[in-house]
Amino acid sequence: MKKLLIVAGIVLMVAALAFIQRASILERLMAKGIESRIGANLVAELEDGLHLALCGAGGPLPAPNASGPCVAVVAGKQLFVVDAGTDGTRNLGRMGYPVGDVKGVFLTHFHSDHIDGLGELSTIRWAGGDNSSPLPVYGPRGVERVVDGFNAAYAQDFTYRHAHHGDTVAPMSGAGMEAIPFEKPPMGELVLVYEGDGLKVEMLAVDHAPVEPAVGYRFSYKGRSLLITGDTTKQANIQRFSQGIDLLVHEALAPNLVNLMHDAAVKLDNKIMAKITHDILDYHASPIEAAETARDAGVGHLLYYHIVPPLVIPGQKLLYLNGAEEIFSNYTIGEDGVSFSLPANSHEIIQTRSGL
């Protein structure tokens, strides 16, 4: 009994000291956490190969686990981003990808949900990284207008940050973005848009009419390959250039779920939502169509992204697929943070993260 009282007394004393010193303890823990966060660099830790992560798995509708369209691709130690939707830049930071190291952005088309994070991405890359030249933004013809608009909108911010921090943090030579336009290739052809350090990035045509131009990108590095479709309907062109690739990242809208939204909108006499849910059906591929493309192209794995509508109810993923899982079984439904590694010169397809 005496020993028990002594132990209890010691525990109480330790607890009391911890309570008294709680601010100091929290400060030390926070300092360690800040050091870890500032020093995070997932790219430096990745083995040689081709790697992909969803910094945004969703579309224009808000969703808790699917931010605006954004895909990070790492080839060796080169970090690129395809599209820059809402919250994509912040998700890159959460995942440990240093935004200051982004070498360039590839835009698939100019819908607002694919470009609205460009300003934040370029600003953090500039003021949070060691860059003395603007962020290269590759895309089909028309990317110049997008880049010029963002640069004009952020022009005053450039001067504020430079005046406050100087060249060490914010050299004016590195502010903003630089457009690198390419003509959209005809169906059946690829155009090379980037090549360096073993990486080749090629542009292919997709159909997202009335949105024009709209393209996808194929990445190749040391025997590994992946293709990101951007927004599109089911296309023979995608199947053609996906033949035998390791990872197909295909957008998909579920017509059955969108039709439920449409019926609800009609019932509630919400004419705007009824019109939207009617119109969007004709320029997106369905999960079944994406699965058919993956099957017919013989890809290694299919990753669904640009998920429409948001998947927020338990069991909704099964409704979203609507039988697609029976057509092609090697699939993943994307969420923010989902990532894959394709080690160089191998056949491995490794899912390294299931979400944030």
Protein backbone atom coordinates (compact mmCIF):
# COMPACT_ATOMS: atom_id res chain seq x y z
CA MET A 1 0.00 0.00 0.00
CA LYS A 2 2.86 2.34 0.92
CA LYS A 3 4.63 1.66 -2.39
CA LEU A 4 1.40 2.31 -4.26
CA LEU A 5 1.01 5.67 -2.52
CA ILE A 6 4.60 6.59 -3.36
CA VAL A 7 4.07 5.72 -7.04
CA ALA A 8 0.82 7.67 -7.11
CA GLY A 9 2.57 10.63 -5.53
CA ILE A 10 5.34 10.54 -8.13
CA VAL A 11 2.78 10.38 -10.95
CA LEU A 12 0.93 13.36 -9.52
CA MET A 13 4.17 15.33 -9.18
CA VAL A 14 5.13 14.60 -12.79
CA ALA A 15 1.64 15.56 -13.95
CA ALA A 16 1.79 18.77 -11.96
CA LEU A 17 5.21 19.67 -13.37
CA ALA A 18 3.99 18.90 -16.89
CA PHE A 19 0.95 21.13 -16.33
CA ILE A 20 3.13 23.97 -15.04
CA GLN A 21 5.59 23.57 -17.91
CA ARG A 22 2.95 22.89 -20.56
CA ALA A 23 3.65 26.06 -22.54
CA SER A 24 7.37 25.31 -22.67
CA ILE A 25 6.74 21.68 -23.67
CA LEU A 26 4.30 22.71 -26.39
CA GLU A 27 6.78 25.27 -27.68
CA ARG A 28 9.54 22.66 -27.97
CA LEU A 29 7.19 20.22 -29.70
CA MET A 30 6.02 22.92 -32.08
CA ALA A 31 9.61 23.90 -32.89
CA LYS A 32 10.39 20.30 -33.80
CA GLY A 33 7.23 20.09 -35.89
CA ILE A 34 8.07 23.32 -37.74
CA GLU A 35 11.59 22.05 -38.47
CA SER A 36 10.17 18.82 -39.83
CA ARG A 37 7.58 20.64 -41.96
CA ILE A 38 9.98 23.20 -43.40
CA GLY A 39 12.53 20.52 -44.19
CA ALA A 40 10.01 18.14 -45.82
CA ASN A 41 10.99 17.11 -49.33
CA LEU A 42 9.31 13.95 -50.53
CA VAL A 43 10.86 14.29 -53.97
CA ALA A 44 14.35 13.86 -52.51
CA GLU A 45 13.26 10.63 -50.82
CA LEU A 46 11.70 8.97 -53.88
CA GLU A 47 13.60 6.24 -55.67
CA ASP A 48 14.42 6.74 -59.32
CA GLY A 49 11.31 6.33 -61.42
CA LEU A 50 8.07 7.94 -62.47
CA HIS A 51 5.75 8.98 -59.64
CA LEU A 52 2.28 10.50 -59.59
CA ALA A 53 0.12 12.04 -56.87
CA LEU A 54 -3.32 13.63 -56.94
CA CYS A 55 -3.06 17.12 -55.47
CA GLY A 56 -6.68 17.50 -56.54
CA ALA A 57 -8.97 14.58 -57.41
CA GLY A 58 -12.22 16.45 -57.99
CA GLY A 59 -13.95 18.76 -60.41
CA PRO A 60 -15.71 22.11 -60.04
CA LEU A 61 -18.04 20.99 -57.22
CA PRO A 62 -16.66 21.24 -53.66
CA ALA A 63 -15.90 17.94 -51.94
CA PRO A 64 -14.15 17.08 -48.66
CA ASN A 65 -11.59 14.69 -50.20
CA ALA A 66 -11.46 15.90 -53.79
CA SER A 67 -10.04 19.36 -54.44
CA GLY A 68 -9.87 21.03 -57.85
CA PRO A 69 -8.07 19.10 -60.62
CA CYS A 70 -4.34 18.91 -59.95
CA VAL A 71 -1.83 16.11 -60.65
CA ALA A 72 1.80 16.08 -59.51
CA VAL A 73 4.27 14.08 -61.61
CA VAL A 74 7.84 13.37 -60.54
CA ALA A 75 10.39 11.95 -62.99
CA GLY A 76 13.66 11.27 -61.22
CA LYS A 77 13.98 14.51 -59.24
CA GLN A 78 11.95 16.70 -61.59
CA LEU A 79 8.59 17.87 -60.23
CA PHE A 80 5.80 18.97 -62.58
CA VAL A 81 2.10 19.72 -62.13
CA VAL A 82 -0.74 19.05 -64.57
CA ASP A 83 -3.53 21.61 -64.05
CA ALA A 84 -3.83 23.79 -60.97
CA GLY A 85 -7.25 23.58 -59.37
CA THR A 86 -8.39 24.98 -56.04
CA ASP A 87 -6.34 23.85 -53.03
CA GLY A 88 -3.91 21.86 -55.20
CA THR A 89 -0.92 23.94 -54.10
CA ARG A 90 -1.76 23.52 -50.41
CA ASN A 91 -2.20 19.79 -50.89
CA LEU A 92 1.26 19.59 -52.45
CA GLY A 93 2.63 21.10 -49.25
CA ARG A 94 0.61 18.73 -47.08
CA MET A 95 2.04 15.77 -48.99
CA GLY A 96 5.61 16.99 -48.66
CA TYR A 97 6.19 18.12 -52.25
CA PRO A 98 8.23 21.37 -52.22
CA VAL A 99 6.27 23.86 -54.31
CA GLY A 100 9.43 25.89 -54.79
CA ASP A 101 10.84 22.99 -56.82
CA VAL A 102 8.01 22.83 -59.38
CA LYS A 103 9.71 22.97 -62.79
CA GLY A 104 6.59 23.64 -64.81
CA VAL A 105 2.83 23.32 -65.19
CA PHE A 106 1.00 21.60 -68.06
CA LEU A 107 -2.55 22.82 -68.69
CA THR A 108 -5.06 20.49 -70.34
CA HIS A 109 -7.60 23.26 -71.09
CA PHE A 110 -8.78 26.57 -69.68
CA HIS A 111 -11.92 25.76 -67.71
CA SER A 112 -11.82 27.75 -64.47
CA ASP A 113 -11.55 24.72 -62.17
CA HIS A 114 -8.31 23.69 -63.91
CA ILE A 115 -6.57 27.08 -63.69
CA ASP A 116 -7.93 28.91 -60.64
CA GLY A 117 -5.01 27.85 -58.44
CA LEU A 118 -2.30 29.09 -60.81
CA GLY A 119 -1.81 32.39 -59.01
CA GLU A 120 -1.18 30.73 -55.65
CA LEU A 121 1.06 28.07 -57.18
CA SER A 122 3.30 30.54 -58.99
CA THR A 123 3.44 32.91 -56.00
CA ILE A 124 4.46 30.24 -53.49
CA ARG A 125 6.96 28.77 -55.96
CA TRP A 126 8.48 32.25 -56.39
CA ALA A 127 8.43 33.60 -52.83
CA GLY A 128 8.97 30.21 -51.16
CA GLY A 129 11.62 28.74 -53.42
CA ASP A 130 14.95 29.65 -54.96
CA ASN A 131 13.76 30.64 -58.44
CA SER A 132 15.08 33.52 -60.49
CA SER A 133 12.90 32.90 -63.54
CA PRO A 134 9.09 32.72 -63.93
CA LEU A 135 7.09 29.50 -63.71
CA PRO A 136 6.88 27.86 -67.15
CA VAL A 137 3.26 27.09 -68.08
CA TYR A 138 2.89 24.73 -71.05
CA GLY A 139 -0.38 24.32 -72.87
CA PRO A 140 -2.26 24.48 -76.15
CA ARG A 141 -2.56 27.79 -77.96
CA GLY A 142 -4.47 30.19 -75.72
CA VAL A 143 -2.28 29.57 -72.68
CA GLU A 144 -0.67 32.96 -73.39
CA ARG A 145 -3.92 34.76 -72.59
CA VAL A 146 -4.35 32.83 -69.33
CA VAL A 147 -0.80 33.58 -68.20
CA ASP A 148 -0.99 37.24 -69.20
CA GLY A 149 -4.18 37.60 -67.18
CA PHE A 150 -2.70 36.12 -64.02
CA ASN A 151 0.48 38.15 -64.38
CA ALA A 152 -1.59 41.32 -64.71
CA ALA A 153 -3.73 40.43 -61.70
CA TYR A 154 -0.68 39.75 -59.53
CA ALA A 155 1.48 42.64 -60.78
CA GLN A 156 1.00 44.76 -57.66
CA ASP A 157 1.66 41.76 -55.41
CA PHE A 158 5.01 41.29 -57.18
CA THR A 159 6.11 44.80 -56.23
CA TYR A 160 4.88 44.48 -52.62
CA ARG A 161 6.76 41.26 -51.97
CA HIS A 162 9.94 42.50 -53.61
CA ALA A 163 9.81 45.76 -51.67
CA HIS A 164 9.36 43.85 -48.40
CA HIS A 165 11.71 40.90 -48.89
CA GLY A 166 14.15 41.95 -51.63
CA ASP A 167 15.99 39.70 -54.05
CA THR A 168 16.79 37.03 -51.46
CA VAL A 169 13.16 35.96 -51.32
CA ALA A 170 11.37 37.64 -54.21
CA PRO A 171 13.61 38.62 -57.13
CA MET A 172 11.53 40.37 -59.75
CA SER A 173 13.11 38.20 -62.45
CA GLY A 174 11.32 35.17 -60.97
CA ALA A 175 7.88 36.68 -60.52
CA GLY A 176 4.83 35.33 -62.29
CA MET A 177 4.60 32.86 -65.15
CA GLU A 178 5.86 32.37 -68.68
CA ALA A 179 3.54 30.86 -71.30
CA ILE A 180 4.93 28.13 -73.57
CA PRO A 181 2.21 27.45 -76.17
CA PHE A 182 1.90 24.55 -78.61
CA GLU A 183 -0.50 23.88 -81.43
CA LYS A 184 -2.98 21.15 -80.50
CA PRO A 185 -1.95 18.08 -82.50
CA PRO A 186 -4.40 16.38 -84.89
CA MET A 187 -6.06 13.17 -83.75
CA GLY A 188 -3.63 10.29 -84.19
CA GLU A 189 -0.53 12.41 -83.58
CA LEU A 190 1.58 13.45 -80.60
CA VAL A 191 3.58 16.63 -80.19
CA LEU A 192 6.64 16.79 -77.93
CA VAL A 193 6.26 19.62 -75.41
CA TYR A 194 9.10 18.87 -72.98
CA GLU A 195 12.23 16.73 -72.92
CA GLY A 196 15.02 16.68 -70.35
CA ASP A 197 16.93 14.45 -67.91
CA GLY A 198 15.35 11.32 -69.35
CA LEU A 199 11.77 12.63 -69.27
CA LYS A 200 9.62 13.07 -72.35
CA VAL A 201 6.21 14.79 -72.19
CA GLU A 202 3.92 14.60 -75.20
CA MET A 203 0.60 16.29 -75.90
CA LEU A 204 -2.39 14.51 -77.46
CA ALA A 205 -5.77 15.77 -78.61
CA VAL A 206 -8.96 15.02 -76.67
CA ASP A 207 -12.57 16.13 -77.20
CA HIS A 208 -14.24 18.37 -74.62
CA ALA A 209 -16.40 20.40 -77.02
CA PRO A 210 -17.46 23.14 -76.87
CA VAL A 211 -14.22 23.66 -74.91
CA GLU A 212 -11.45 24.06 -77.46
CA PRO A 213 -8.54 23.41 -77.34
CA ALA A 214 -8.44 20.47 -74.92
CA VAL A 215 -5.51 18.08 -74.61
CA GLY A 216 -4.01 15.30 -72.51
CA TYR A 217 -0.37 14.50 -71.71
CA ARG A 218 1.73 11.34 -71.87
CA PHE A 219 4.83 11.11 -69.65
CA SER A 220 7.66 8.65 -70.38
CA TYR A 221 10.72 8.09 -68.19
CA LYS A 222 13.21 5.19 -68.02
CA GLY A 223 10.87 2.52 -69.34
CA ARG A 224 7.78 3.74 -67.42
CA SER A 225 4.79 5.64 -68.74
CA LEU A 226 1.57 7.32 -67.70
CA LEU A 227 -1.14 9.31 -69.43
CA ILE A 228 -3.36 12.05 -67.98
CA THR A 229 -6.47 12.67 -70.06
CA GLY A 230 -7.75 16.01 -68.84
CA ASP A 231 -11.49 16.49 -69.41
CA THR A 232 -12.78 14.46 -72.33
CA THR A 233 -15.33 12.07 -73.71
CA LYS A 234 -14.35 8.50 -74.51
CA GLN A 235 -11.77 8.79 -77.30
CA ALA A 236 -10.05 6.32 -79.62
CA ASN A 237 -7.11 8.72 -79.53
CA ILE A 238 -6.69 8.14 -75.80
CA GLN A 239 -6.87 4.38 -76.26
CA ARG A 240 -4.29 4.57 -79.05
CA PHE A 241 -1.72 6.46 -77.02
CA SER A 242 -2.44 4.50 -73.83
CA GLN A 243 -1.49 1.17 -75.39
CA GLY A 244 0.55 -0.76 -72.84
CA ILE A 245 1.21 2.19 -70.53
CA ASP A 246 1.62 1.62 -66.81
CA LEU A 247 -0.88 4.12 -65.42
CA LEU A 248 -3.90 5.75 -67.06
CA VAL A 249 -5.27 8.74 -65.16
CA HIS A 250 -8.72 9.19 -66.66
CA GLU A 251 -11.43 11.68 -65.77
CA ALA A 252 -14.92 10.28 -65.20
CA LEU A 253 -18.42 11.58 -64.54
CA ALA A 254 -21.12 9.17 -63.36
CA PRO A 255 -24.26 9.75 -65.50
CA ASN A 256 -26.48 7.75 -63.14
CA LEU A 257 -25.60 10.00 -60.19
CA VAL A 258 -25.78 13.22 -62.20
CA ASN A 259 -29.22 12.17 -63.44
CA LEU A 260 -30.35 11.79 -59.82
CA MET A 261 -29.16 15.37 -59.22
CA HIS A 262 -31.00 16.48 -62.36
CA ASP A 263 -34.26 14.84 -61.27
CA ALA A 264 -33.99 16.49 -57.85
CA ALA A 265 -33.35 19.88 -59.44
CA VAL A 266 -36.39 19.50 -61.72
CA LYS A 267 -38.55 18.47 -58.78
CA LEU A 268 -37.43 21.52 -56.81
CA ASP A 269 -37.85 23.78 -59.87
CA ASN A 270 -34.16 24.74 -59.73
CA LYS A 271 -33.81 25.63 -63.40
CA ILE A 272 -30.12 26.52 -63.21
CA MET A 273 -29.03 23.24 -61.63
CA ALA A 274 -31.36 21.32 -63.93
CA LYS A 275 -29.72 22.93 -66.95
CA ILE A 276 -26.18 22.30 -65.68
CA THR A 277 -26.81 18.65 -64.83
CA HIS A 278 -28.33 18.15 -68.27
CA ASP A 279 -25.50 19.86 -70.16
CA ILE A 280 -22.46 18.27 -68.47
CA LEU A 281 -23.41 14.75 -69.51
CA ASP A 282 -22.29 15.21 -73.12
CA TYR A 283 -18.64 16.19 -72.66
CA HIS A 284 -17.29 13.81 -70.02
CA ALA A 285 -16.44 10.12 -70.07
CA SER A 286 -18.24 7.78 -67.68
CA PRO A 287 -16.45 5.37 -65.31
CA ILE A 288 -17.61 2.51 -67.57
CA GLU A 289 -16.14 4.20 -70.65
CA ALA A 290 -12.84 4.88 -68.87
CA ALA A 291 -12.72 1.21 -67.82
CA GLU A 292 -13.34 0.13 -71.42
CA THR A 293 -10.48 2.32 -72.61
CA ALA A 294 -8.16 0.90 -69.93
CA ARG A 295 -9.13 -2.67 -70.83
CA ASP A 296 -8.80 -2.21 -74.58
CA ALA A 297 -5.47 -0.39 -74.26
CA GLY A 298 -4.04 -3.02 -71.90
CA VAL A 299 -2.89 -0.50 -69.29
CA GLY A 300 -1.39 -1.58 -65.99
CA HIS A 301 -3.66 0.43 -63.69
CA LEU A 302 -6.55 2.88 -64.04
CA LEU A 303 -6.81 5.88 -61.70
CA TYR A 304 -10.10 7.78 -61.81
CA TYR A 305 -9.85 11.53 -61.20
CA HIS A 306 -11.89 14.67 -61.83
CA ILE A 307 -14.58 12.78 -59.91
CA VAL A 308 -18.10 14.08 -60.65
CA PRO A 309 -20.27 14.27 -58.67
CA PRO A 310 -18.49 14.38 -55.27
CA LEU A 311 -18.51 11.05 -53.42
CA VAL A 312 -19.65 11.93 -49.91
CA ILE A 313 -22.09 9.19 -48.90
CA PRO A 314 -21.01 5.70 -47.70
CA GLY A 315 -21.45 3.19 -50.50
CA GLN A 316 -21.56 5.90 -53.18
CA LYS A 317 -18.37 4.63 -54.83
CA LEU A 318 -20.18 1.48 -55.93
CA LEU A 319 -22.90 3.61 -57.52
CA TYR A 320 -20.23 5.77 -59.12
CA LEU A 321 -18.59 2.76 -60.79
CA ASN A 322 -21.98 1.35 -61.88
CA GLY A 323 -20.38 -1.88 -63.10
CA ALA A 324 -17.06 -0.45 -64.33
CA GLU A 325 -15.21 -2.64 -61.83
CA GLU A 326 -16.36 -5.71 -63.77
CA ILE A 327 -14.89 -4.31 -67.00
CA PHE A 328 -11.46 -3.44 -65.61
CA SER A 329 -10.50 -4.59 -62.12
CA ASN A 330 -7.13 -2.86 -61.67
CA TYR A 331 -8.49 0.54 -60.69
CA THR A 332 -8.39 3.17 -57.95
CA ILE A 333 -10.99 5.88 -57.36
CA GLY A 334 -8.98 9.01 -56.74
CA GLU A 335 -8.96 11.14 -53.63
CA ASP A 336 -6.65 13.99 -52.66
CA GLY A 337 -3.27 12.53 -51.76
CA VAL A 338 -3.56 9.22 -53.62
CA SER A 339 -0.13 8.44 -55.09
CA PHE A 340 1.66 5.82 -57.17
CA SER A 341 5.28 4.95 -57.85
CA LEU A 342 6.60 3.34 -61.02
CA PRO A 343 10.23 2.39 -60.28
CA ALA A 344 12.61 2.90 -63.21
CA ASN A 345 13.07 0.03 -65.65
CA SER A 346 10.65 -2.31 -63.88
CA HIS A 347 7.03 -3.43 -64.14
CA GLU A 348 6.01 -2.58 -60.58
CA ILE A 349 3.00 -0.34 -59.97
CA ILE A 350 3.00 0.60 -56.31
CA GLN A 351 0.28 2.59 -54.59
CA THR A 352 2.21 4.57 -52.00
CA ARG A 353 -0.62 6.58 -50.47
CA SER A 354 -4.39 6.16 -50.25
CA GLY A 355 -5.20 9.79 -49.38
CA LEU A 356 -4.30 12.75 -47.21
